[in-house]
N, C-alpha and C. Protein backbone atom coordinates (compact mmCIF):
# COMPACT_ATOMS: atom_id res chain seq x y z
N MET A 1 5.24 32.69 -184.96
CA MET A 1 6.29 31.70 -184.00
C MET A 1 6.90 32.65 -183.61
N LYS A 2 7.69 32.92 -182.64
CA LYS A 2 8.47 33.31 -182.29
C LYS A 2 10.09 32.59 -182.49
N GLN A 3 11.17 33.46 -182.50
CA GLN A 3 11.94 32.73 -182.90
C GLN A 3 12.18 32.24 -181.95
N ASN A 4 12.41 30.75 -181.57
CA ASN A 4 13.12 30.18 -180.14
C ASN A 4 13.86 29.69 -181.16
N SER A 5 14.45 28.65 -179.95
CA SER A 5 15.74 28.38 -180.28
C SER A 5 16.02 27.00 -181.12
N PRO A 6 14.71 26.12 -180.93
CA PRO A 6 14.70 25.32 -182.19
C PRO A 6 15.03 25.98 -183.29
N HIS A 7 14.05 26.82 -183.48
CA HIS A 7 13.89 27.94 -185.01
C HIS A 7 15.58 27.95 -185.60
N LYS A 8 15.70 28.76 -184.28
CA LYS A 8 17.02 29.11 -184.78
C LYS A 8 18.02 28.10 -185.27
N ARG A 9 18.00 27.22 -184.45
CA ARG A 9 18.96 25.60 -184.78
C ARG A 9 18.57 25.20 -186.06
N VAL A 10 18.01 25.39 -187.50
CA VAL A 10 16.77 25.60 -188.04
C VAL A 10 18.15 26.23 -188.91
N SER A 11 17.73 27.21 -188.53
CA SER A 11 18.04 27.79 -188.98
C SER A 11 20.05 28.36 -189.56
N ARG A 12 20.46 26.85 -188.58
CA ARG A 12 22.16 27.03 -188.65
C ARG A 12 22.25 26.16 -189.89
N PHE A 13 21.04 25.59 -189.92
CA PHE A 13 21.56 24.27 -191.55
C PHE A 13 20.64 24.73 -192.59
N PHE A 14 19.37 25.06 -192.66
CA PHE A 14 18.75 25.94 -193.46
C PHE A 14 19.18 27.50 -193.66
N LEU A 15 18.77 28.20 -195.16
CA LEU A 15 18.75 29.67 -195.29
C LEU A 15 17.51 30.20 -195.78
N PRO A 16 17.16 30.95 -195.45
CA PRO A 16 15.85 31.32 -195.99
C PRO A 16 15.33 31.12 -197.17
N LEU A 17 14.00 30.75 -197.03
CA LEU A 17 13.31 29.61 -198.46
C LEU A 17 13.31 30.99 -200.29
N LYS A 18 12.81 31.64 -199.02
CA LYS A 18 13.26 33.04 -200.93
C LYS A 18 14.00 32.93 -201.22
N GLU A 19 15.33 33.12 -200.66
CA GLU A 19 16.56 32.95 -201.79
C GLU A 19 17.43 31.85 -201.55
N HIS A 20 16.39 30.85 -200.88
CA HIS A 20 16.98 29.45 -202.01
C HIS A 20 16.10 28.34 -201.54
N PRO A 21 15.69 28.53 -202.64
CA PRO A 21 14.41 27.84 -202.58
C PRO A 21 15.09 25.64 -202.85
N LEU A 22 15.66 25.44 -203.64
CA LEU A 22 16.18 24.34 -203.16
C LEU A 22 17.35 24.10 -202.16
N GLN A 23 17.45 23.46 -201.35
CA GLN A 23 18.46 22.54 -200.26
C GLN A 23 18.36 21.25 -199.78
N THR A 24 19.46 21.33 -198.91
CA THR A 24 19.63 19.53 -198.60
C THR A 24 20.69 19.67 -197.26
N PHE A 25 20.22 18.62 -196.90
CA PHE A 25 21.41 18.37 -195.15
C PHE A 25 20.79 17.14 -194.70
N LEU A 26 22.34 16.31 -194.81
CA LEU A 26 22.63 15.20 -194.24
C LEU A 26 23.50 15.49 -192.94
N GLY A 27 22.90 15.20 -191.72
CA GLY A 27 23.54 14.94 -190.69
C GLY A 27 22.58 15.31 -189.25
N PRO A 28 23.26 14.68 -188.30
CA PRO A 28 21.86 14.85 -187.21
C PRO A 28 22.15 16.05 -186.45
N GLY A 29 21.11 16.65 -186.07
CA GLY A 29 21.17 17.07 -185.07
C GLY A 29 19.87 18.36 -185.42
N LEU A 30 19.07 17.47 -186.58
CA LEU A 30 17.59 18.29 -186.11
C LEU A 30 16.17 17.37 -185.94
N GLN A 31 14.93 17.95 -185.91
CA GLN A 31 13.72 16.98 -185.49
C GLN A 31 12.56 18.09 -186.47
N LEU A 32 11.59 17.18 -187.52
CA LEU A 32 10.90 16.94 -188.06
C LEU A 32 10.26 18.52 -187.62
N ALA A 33 9.21 18.30 -186.84
CA ALA A 33 8.65 19.15 -186.72
C ALA A 33 9.45 20.42 -186.14
N ASP A 34 10.97 20.70 -185.72
CA ASP A 34 11.39 22.14 -185.12
C ASP A 34 11.26 22.77 -187.27
N ILE A 35 11.53 21.61 -188.43
CA ILE A 35 11.99 22.14 -189.56
C ILE A 35 10.36 22.66 -189.98
N ILE A 36 9.96 21.84 -189.73
CA ILE A 36 7.83 21.89 -190.35
C ILE A 36 7.27 23.78 -189.51
N GLY A 37 7.91 23.96 -188.26
CA GLY A 37 7.58 25.07 -187.71
C GLY A 37 8.09 26.21 -187.80
N TRP A 38 10.15 25.97 -188.52
CA TRP A 38 11.08 26.70 -189.53
C TRP A 38 9.97 27.69 -190.27
N GLY A 39 10.16 26.38 -191.66
CA GLY A 39 9.03 26.10 -192.17
C GLY A 39 7.97 26.88 -193.03
N LEU A 40 6.86 26.61 -192.17
CA LEU A 40 5.63 27.68 -191.83
C LEU A 40 5.62 28.84 -191.33
N GLU A 41 6.85 29.77 -190.39
CA GLU A 41 6.77 30.87 -190.39
C GLU A 41 7.33 31.65 -191.23
N GLN A 42 7.89 30.65 -192.27
CA GLN A 42 8.14 31.79 -193.43
C GLN A 42 7.25 31.09 -195.13
N ILE A 43 6.38 30.84 -194.93
CA ILE A 43 5.80 31.16 -196.30
C ILE A 43 4.42 31.78 -195.79
N GLY A 44 4.10 31.01 -194.49
CA GLY A 44 2.70 31.32 -193.61
C GLY A 44 1.74 30.54 -193.25
N PRO A 45 0.52 30.82 -192.90
CA PRO A 45 -0.85 29.20 -192.58
C PRO A 45 -0.16 28.84 -193.41
N ALA A 46 -0.72 27.38 -193.80
CA ALA A 46 -0.88 26.77 -194.95
C ALA A 46 -1.64 25.51 -194.53
N ASP A 47 -2.31 24.60 -195.53
CA ASP A 47 -2.90 23.27 -195.47
C ASP A 47 -1.57 22.29 -195.68
N VAL A 48 -1.44 21.40 -194.86
CA VAL A 48 -0.07 20.50 -194.24
C VAL A 48 -0.48 19.37 -194.47
N PHE A 49 -0.22 18.58 -195.27
CA PHE A 49 -0.08 17.08 -195.63
C PHE A 49 1.64 16.68 -195.34
N VAL A 50 1.08 15.60 -194.34
CA VAL A 50 2.19 14.86 -194.08
C VAL A 50 2.15 13.69 -194.10
N SER A 51 3.00 12.20 -194.60
CA SER A 51 3.43 10.83 -194.78
C SER A 51 3.98 11.23 -193.77
N THR A 52 4.78 9.75 -193.58
CA THR A 52 5.29 8.96 -192.39
C THR A 52 5.01 7.27 -191.96
N PHE A 53 5.89 6.98 -192.13
CA PHE A 53 6.16 5.14 -191.81
C PHE A 53 5.13 5.09 -190.18
N SER A 54 5.27 6.24 -189.03
CA SER A 54 5.26 6.13 -187.94
C SER A 54 5.00 7.26 -187.46
N THR A 55 4.67 7.30 -186.40
CA THR A 55 4.58 9.44 -185.36
C THR A 55 4.67 8.45 -184.06
N SER A 56 5.14 9.34 -183.59
CA SER A 56 4.60 9.23 -181.53
C SER A 56 4.44 10.95 -181.30
N GLU A 57 4.04 10.50 -179.19
CA GLU A 57 3.22 11.48 -179.21
C GLU A 57 3.94 12.84 -178.96
N GLU A 58 5.37 12.59 -178.63
CA GLU A 58 6.20 14.60 -179.08
C GLU A 58 5.71 15.06 -180.62
N PHE A 59 5.61 14.49 -181.25
CA PHE A 59 6.23 14.62 -182.36
C PHE A 59 4.30 15.13 -182.48
N LEU A 60 3.22 15.39 -182.06
CA LEU A 60 2.46 15.17 -182.55
C LEU A 60 1.47 16.58 -181.16
N ARG A 61 2.37 16.67 -179.94
CA ARG A 61 2.57 17.08 -179.56
C ARG A 61 3.19 19.04 -180.11
N ARG A 62 4.27 18.37 -180.25
CA ARG A 62 4.93 19.94 -181.32
C ARG A 62 4.12 20.28 -182.15
N PHE A 63 3.44 19.27 -182.71
CA PHE A 63 3.05 19.75 -184.44
C PHE A 63 1.73 20.77 -183.63
N TYR A 64 0.52 20.13 -182.74
CA TYR A 64 -0.29 20.34 -181.83
C TYR A 64 -0.39 22.02 -181.81
N ARG A 65 1.29 22.09 -180.88
CA ARG A 65 0.89 23.84 -180.09
C ARG A 65 2.26 24.45 -181.52
N ILE A 66 2.77 23.66 -183.10
CA ILE A 66 2.60 24.80 -183.62
C ILE A 66 0.52 25.29 -185.14
N ARG A 67 -0.06 24.52 -184.48
CA ARG A 67 -1.06 24.33 -184.86
C ARG A 67 -2.64 25.43 -184.11
N SER A 68 -1.80 25.55 -183.20
CA SER A 68 -2.62 26.35 -182.22
C SER A 68 -1.72 27.47 -182.09
N GLN A 69 -0.73 28.11 -182.63
CA GLN A 69 -0.47 29.64 -182.57
C GLN A 69 -0.62 30.31 -183.96
N GLY A 70 -1.72 28.79 -184.93
CA GLY A 70 -2.54 29.06 -186.03
C GLY A 70 -1.25 29.28 -187.47
N TYR A 71 -0.51 28.46 -187.33
CA TYR A 71 -0.06 28.31 -188.69
C TYR A 71 -0.04 27.29 -189.48
N VAL A 72 -1.26 26.56 -189.15
CA VAL A 72 -1.64 25.06 -189.75
C VAL A 72 -3.23 25.92 -189.71
N LYS A 73 -4.18 25.40 -191.84
CA LYS A 73 -5.15 26.03 -191.76
C LYS A 73 -6.03 24.28 -191.48
N SER A 74 -5.42 23.25 -192.14
CA SER A 74 -6.06 21.96 -192.22
C SER A 74 -4.70 21.60 -192.18
N SER A 75 -4.69 20.11 -191.90
CA SER A 75 -3.83 18.89 -191.56
C SER A 75 -4.79 17.50 -192.44
N VAL A 76 -3.66 17.27 -193.07
CA VAL A 76 -3.81 15.54 -193.54
C VAL A 76 -2.87 14.26 -192.73
N LEU A 77 -2.85 13.60 -191.89
CA LEU A 77 -1.68 13.14 -191.66
C LEU A 77 -1.86 11.43 -192.36
N LEU A 78 -0.27 10.96 -192.96
CA LEU A 78 -0.59 9.62 -193.98
C LEU A 78 -0.15 8.63 -193.42
N ILE A 79 -0.25 7.40 -192.78
CA ILE A 79 1.00 6.50 -192.01
C ILE A 79 0.40 5.06 -192.25
N ASP A 80 1.60 4.91 -191.76
CA ASP A 80 1.60 2.96 -192.55
C ASP A 80 0.28 2.69 -191.89
N LEU A 81 0.15 0.69 -192.27
CA LEU A 81 -0.52 0.32 -192.12
C LEU A 81 0.12 -0.45 -190.71
N LYS A 82 1.46 -1.22 -190.23
CA LYS A 82 1.91 -1.45 -189.66
C LYS A 82 2.86 -0.79 -188.95
N ALA A 83 2.08 0.06 -188.53
CA ALA A 83 1.95 1.06 -186.91
C ALA A 83 0.27 1.32 -186.60
N THR A 84 -0.12 0.37 -187.12
CA THR A 84 -1.89 0.38 -186.52
C THR A 84 -2.43 0.19 -185.72
N ARG A 85 -1.02 -1.04 -184.80
CA ARG A 85 -1.92 -1.04 -182.92
C ARG A 85 -1.26 0.37 -182.05
N LYS A 86 0.37 1.03 -182.84
CA LYS A 86 0.34 2.43 -182.28
C LYS A 86 -0.91 3.58 -182.56
N THR A 87 -0.88 3.45 -183.81
CA THR A 87 -1.33 4.33 -184.06
C THR A 87 -3.30 4.60 -183.46
N LEU A 88 -3.70 3.39 -183.42
CA LEU A 88 -4.95 3.61 -182.60
C LEU A 88 -4.55 3.91 -180.42
N ASN A 89 -3.29 3.16 -180.26
CA ASN A 89 -3.54 3.80 -179.16
C ASN A 89 -3.31 5.61 -178.94
N LEU A 90 -3.31 5.81 -180.45
CA LEU A 90 -2.44 7.46 -180.19
C LEU A 90 -3.42 8.30 -180.62
N TYR A 91 -5.46 7.19 -181.08
CA TYR A 91 -5.78 7.89 -182.22
C TYR A 91 -6.38 9.31 -181.38
N ARG A 92 -7.03 9.60 -180.29
CA ARG A 92 -7.54 10.75 -179.99
C ARG A 92 -6.67 11.73 -180.11
N PHE A 93 -5.09 11.74 -180.01
CA PHE A 93 -4.23 12.96 -179.82
C PHE A 93 -4.11 13.17 -181.19
N ILE A 94 -4.03 11.63 -182.45
CA ILE A 94 -4.02 12.73 -183.89
C ILE A 94 -5.26 13.16 -183.93
N SER A 95 -7.25 12.83 -183.89
CA SER A 95 -7.36 13.37 -184.24
C SER A 95 -7.65 14.64 -183.43
N SER A 96 -7.25 15.14 -182.49
CA SER A 96 -7.53 16.29 -182.64
C SER A 96 -6.04 17.66 -183.50
N VAL A 97 -5.45 17.03 -183.72
CA VAL A 97 -4.06 17.39 -184.08
C VAL A 97 -4.36 17.90 -185.87
N PHE A 98 -5.32 16.48 -186.74
CA PHE A 98 -5.12 16.12 -188.15
C PHE A 98 -6.44 16.11 -187.82
N ASP A 99 -7.03 16.71 -189.35
CA ASP A 99 -8.60 17.01 -189.50
C ASP A 99 -8.67 15.34 -190.29
N CYS A 100 -8.01 14.59 -190.49
CA CYS A 100 -8.08 13.24 -191.52
C CYS A 100 -6.96 12.67 -191.48
N CYS A 101 -6.19 11.57 -190.88
CA CYS A 101 -5.58 10.22 -190.85
C CYS A 101 -6.15 9.40 -191.47
N TYR A 102 -5.13 8.77 -192.51
CA TYR A 102 -5.61 7.90 -193.56
C TYR A 102 -4.31 6.91 -193.35
N LEU A 103 -4.41 5.64 -193.13
CA LEU A 103 -3.47 4.23 -193.28
C LEU A 103 -3.49 3.66 -194.84
N ALA A 104 -1.70 3.17 -194.91
CA ALA A 104 -2.05 2.71 -196.36
C ALA A 104 -0.84 1.74 -195.81
N GLU A 105 -0.43 1.37 -197.11
CA GLU A 105 0.99 0.50 -197.34
C GLU A 105 1.87 2.08 -197.78
N ASN A 106 2.62 2.33 -196.50
CA ASN A 106 3.22 4.03 -197.02
C ASN A 106 5.03 4.02 -195.73
N HIS A 107 5.90 3.73 -196.72
CA HIS A 107 6.96 4.50 -195.84
C HIS A 107 7.75 5.48 -195.84
N SER A 108 6.96 6.20 -196.90
CA SER A 108 7.19 7.39 -197.47
C SER A 108 7.37 8.28 -196.32
N LYS A 109 7.97 9.73 -196.87
CA LYS A 109 8.05 10.90 -195.54
C LYS A 109 7.88 11.85 -195.57
N VAL A 110 7.24 12.27 -195.85
CA VAL A 110 6.94 13.57 -196.89
C VAL A 110 6.15 14.24 -196.15
N VAL A 111 5.96 15.92 -195.77
CA VAL A 111 5.33 16.70 -196.13
C VAL A 111 5.54 18.76 -196.76
N LEU A 112 3.95 18.31 -196.83
CA LEU A 112 4.09 18.96 -197.74
C LEU A 112 3.30 19.88 -197.21
N MET A 113 3.52 21.80 -197.54
CA MET A 113 2.51 22.99 -196.67
C MET A 113 2.80 23.69 -197.66
N ARG A 114 1.15 24.13 -198.02
CA ARG A 114 0.67 25.12 -199.06
C ARG A 114 0.50 26.53 -198.48
N SER A 115 1.13 27.59 -198.63
CA SER A 115 0.02 28.66 -197.71
C SER A 115 -0.92 29.85 -199.20
N SER A 116 -0.96 31.06 -198.86
CA SER A 116 -1.75 31.23 -199.80
C SER A 116 -0.89 31.72 -200.96
N SER A 117 0.92 32.31 -200.62
CA SER A 117 1.38 33.10 -201.38
C SER A 117 2.44 31.63 -201.49
N ALA A 118 3.13 30.63 -201.19
CA ALA A 118 4.12 29.43 -201.53
C ALA A 118 3.71 28.53 -201.15
N CYS A 119 4.99 27.34 -201.64
CA CYS A 119 4.51 25.81 -201.40
C CYS A 119 5.80 25.62 -201.01
N LEU A 120 6.17 24.71 -199.69
CA LEU A 120 6.95 24.10 -199.55
C LEU A 120 6.81 22.80 -199.52
N CYS A 121 7.98 21.77 -199.74
CA CYS A 121 7.62 20.79 -199.82
C CYS A 121 8.55 20.16 -198.94
N LEU A 122 9.23 19.18 -198.00
CA LEU A 122 9.96 18.77 -197.41
C LEU A 122 10.17 16.92 -197.90
N VAL A 123 11.11 16.42 -197.59
CA VAL A 123 11.38 15.17 -198.47
C VAL A 123 12.28 15.05 -197.06
N THR A 124 12.20 13.66 -196.20
CA THR A 124 13.40 13.18 -195.60
C THR A 124 13.63 11.77 -195.19
N SER A 125 14.37 11.37 -194.66
CA SER A 125 14.23 10.32 -193.55
C SER A 125 13.85 9.57 -192.75
N GLN A 126 13.47 10.63 -191.81
CA GLN A 126 13.23 11.06 -190.45
C GLN A 126 11.37 10.73 -190.42
N ASN A 127 10.95 9.70 -189.38
CA ASN A 127 9.66 9.88 -188.61
C ASN A 127 9.66 10.52 -188.40
N GLN A 128 8.51 11.02 -187.59
CA GLN A 128 7.94 11.17 -186.90
C GLN A 128 8.77 10.83 -185.34
N THR A 129 9.38 10.60 -185.07
CA THR A 129 9.84 10.07 -183.54
C THR A 129 11.08 10.78 -183.46
N ARG A 130 11.39 10.96 -182.30
CA ARG A 130 12.71 11.11 -181.78
C ARG A 130 13.78 10.45 -181.68
N GLY A 131 14.71 11.33 -182.89
CA GLY A 131 15.79 10.74 -182.68
C GLY A 131 16.86 11.38 -183.18
N ASP A 132 18.41 11.01 -182.39
CA ASP A 132 19.93 11.89 -182.85
C ASP A 132 20.11 10.94 -184.24
N ARG A 133 19.17 10.42 -185.37
CA ARG A 133 20.82 9.80 -185.67
C ARG A 133 20.55 10.61 -186.99
N THR A 134 21.38 10.35 -187.90
CA THR A 134 22.17 10.85 -189.09
C THR A 134 20.53 11.33 -190.01
N GLU A 135 19.84 12.01 -190.34
CA GLU A 135 18.67 12.00 -191.18
C GLU A 135 19.58 12.78 -192.19
N CYS A 136 18.58 12.53 -194.04
CA CYS A 136 18.45 13.04 -194.74
C CYS A 136 17.27 14.43 -194.93
N TYR A 137 16.81 15.15 -195.33
CA TYR A 137 16.31 16.20 -195.41
C TYR A 137 16.84 17.04 -197.07
N VAL A 138 15.73 17.25 -197.98
CA VAL A 138 15.70 17.58 -198.83
C VAL A 138 14.51 19.24 -199.18
N LEU A 139 14.79 20.09 -199.23
CA LEU A 139 13.30 20.83 -198.78
C LEU A 139 13.64 22.36 -200.45
N SER A 140 11.88 22.40 -200.97
CA SER A 140 12.03 22.74 -202.54
C SER A 140 10.83 23.70 -202.15
N THR A 141 11.03 24.21 -202.67
CA THR A 141 9.30 25.63 -202.91
C THR A 141 9.07 25.81 -204.54
N SER A 142 9.61 25.06 -205.08
CA SER A 142 9.20 24.97 -206.35
C SER A 142 8.12 24.29 -206.66
N PRO A 143 6.76 25.01 -207.25
CA PRO A 143 5.54 24.72 -207.90
C PRO A 143 5.50 23.33 -208.26
N GLU A 144 5.70 22.87 -209.47
CA GLU A 144 5.87 21.58 -209.61
C GLU A 144 6.05 20.65 -208.42
N ILE A 145 7.25 20.83 -208.63
CA ILE A 145 7.43 19.90 -206.81
C ILE A 145 6.67 18.78 -206.24
N TYR A 146 5.83 20.67 -206.35
CA TYR A 146 5.21 20.43 -204.76
C TYR A 146 3.46 19.61 -205.34
N SER A 147 3.71 20.57 -206.81
CA SER A 147 1.74 19.33 -208.00
C SER A 147 2.18 18.50 -207.47
N THR A 148 3.23 18.16 -208.29
CA THR A 148 3.28 16.21 -208.45
C THR A 148 2.86 14.88 -206.90
N LEU A 149 4.09 15.51 -206.06
CA LEU A 149 3.77 15.12 -204.30
C LEU A 149 2.32 15.14 -204.50
N HIS A 150 2.35 16.21 -203.64
CA HIS A 150 0.92 16.59 -203.84
C HIS A 150 -0.67 15.38 -204.24
N ASN A 151 -0.07 15.69 -205.61
CA ASN A 151 -1.59 14.53 -207.06
C ASN A 151 -1.13 13.28 -206.15
N GLN A 152 0.01 13.18 -206.32
CA GLN A 152 0.64 11.68 -205.05
C GLN A 152 -0.04 11.54 -204.53
N PHE A 153 -0.04 11.52 -203.12
CA PHE A 153 -0.45 11.97 -201.80
C PHE A 153 -1.83 11.42 -202.20
N LEU A 154 -3.13 12.44 -203.14
CA LEU A 154 -4.30 12.47 -202.66
C LEU A 154 -4.44 11.33 -203.46
N HIS A 155 -3.84 10.82 -204.79
CA HIS A 155 -3.75 9.53 -205.29
C HIS A 155 -4.36 8.61 -203.88
N ILE A 156 -2.84 8.59 -203.50
CA ILE A 156 -2.71 7.08 -202.09
C ILE A 156 -3.49 7.41 -201.13
N THR A 157 -4.48 8.82 -200.84
CA THR A 157 -5.40 8.91 -200.02
C THR A 157 -7.16 8.73 -200.08
N THR A 158 -7.09 8.68 -202.04
CA THR A 158 -8.35 8.45 -202.36
C THR A 158 -8.20 7.15 -202.79
N GLU A 159 -7.50 6.11 -203.32
CA GLU A 159 -7.01 5.41 -204.12
C GLU A 159 -6.57 4.08 -203.08
N LYS A 160 -5.92 4.48 -202.15
CA LYS A 160 -5.41 3.15 -201.83
C LYS A 160 -5.24 3.27 -200.62
N SER A 161 -6.32 4.11 -199.78
CA SER A 161 -5.92 3.82 -198.17
C SER A 161 -7.03 4.12 -197.27
N MET A 162 -7.23 3.87 -196.49
CA MET A 162 -8.03 3.61 -195.34
C MET A 162 -8.86 4.80 -194.29
N LEU A 163 -9.49 5.54 -194.22
CA LEU A 163 -9.47 6.39 -192.65
C LEU A 163 -9.53 5.63 -191.41
N LEU A 164 -8.56 6.32 -190.51
CA LEU A 164 -8.20 5.69 -189.56
C LEU A 164 -9.24 5.51 -188.62
N ASN A 165 -9.79 6.52 -188.68
CA ASN A 165 -11.75 6.99 -187.57
C ASN A 165 -12.92 5.44 -188.54
N ASP A 166 -12.44 5.18 -189.28
CA ASP A 166 -13.61 3.86 -189.82
C ASP A 166 -12.70 2.95 -188.87
N ILE A 167 -11.36 2.33 -189.01
CA ILE A 167 -10.41 1.52 -188.29
C ILE A 167 -11.30 1.57 -186.11
N PHE A 168 -10.94 2.42 -186.68
CA PHE A 168 -11.13 2.86 -184.55
C PHE A 168 -11.80 3.09 -184.15
N GLN A 169 -13.44 2.91 -184.75
CA GLN A 169 -15.04 3.01 -185.19
C GLN A 169 -14.48 0.90 -185.46
N ARG A 170 -13.88 0.32 -186.17
CA ARG A 170 -14.89 -1.28 -186.43
C ARG A 170 -13.34 -1.99 -184.74
N ALA A 171 -12.91 -1.06 -184.32
CA ALA A 171 -11.93 -1.83 -182.79
C ALA A 171 -12.77 -1.46 -182.24
N ASN A 172 -13.43 -0.19 -182.13
CA ASN A 172 -14.48 0.02 -180.74
C ASN A 172 -15.41 -1.19 -180.52
N ILE A 173 -16.33 -1.56 -182.14
CA ILE A 173 -17.37 -2.83 -182.15
C ILE A 173 -16.34 -4.26 -181.55
N LYS A 174 -15.61 -3.92 -181.81
CA LYS A 174 -14.70 -5.85 -181.67
C LYS A 174 -14.63 -5.60 -180.02
N ASP A 175 -14.67 -4.84 -179.50
CA ASP A 175 -13.97 -4.49 -177.69
C ASP A 175 -16.05 -4.59 -176.64
């Protein structure tokens, strides 16, 4: 990825991950897709696991660009059931960007990235929707934190969720 203006903007708020493995920011001025792109630039191509309450076409477009640049090896999305109608409207786009999408009772906003050499956990208050409000971000490259969150993410997707593809097929059968 080239050092374009969104990534330069992220660099104003966060320092290089290798020298600063735990960082926080509370304030306005950042977008989640920019932080994901910035993080992937630093750790290299990775498997990406994302949980959110709600997503948007803008976020999906930006994530698609990041993926098309080769920084996403695989991707899984976990989204809240309450956003099902909106999610179904974005189904085709979501399925072209994420390998798998699950619906569950979910209000968490977590992005987990694991490359061959590093991991990055991003815990945030920001949904995948555009907003210029104050948001909170915690970045960690701790393998222990990654492992704990990843295991919990997998538990939710395997034990407490439904595949979006299944819901979409049922909705199409009803129509």
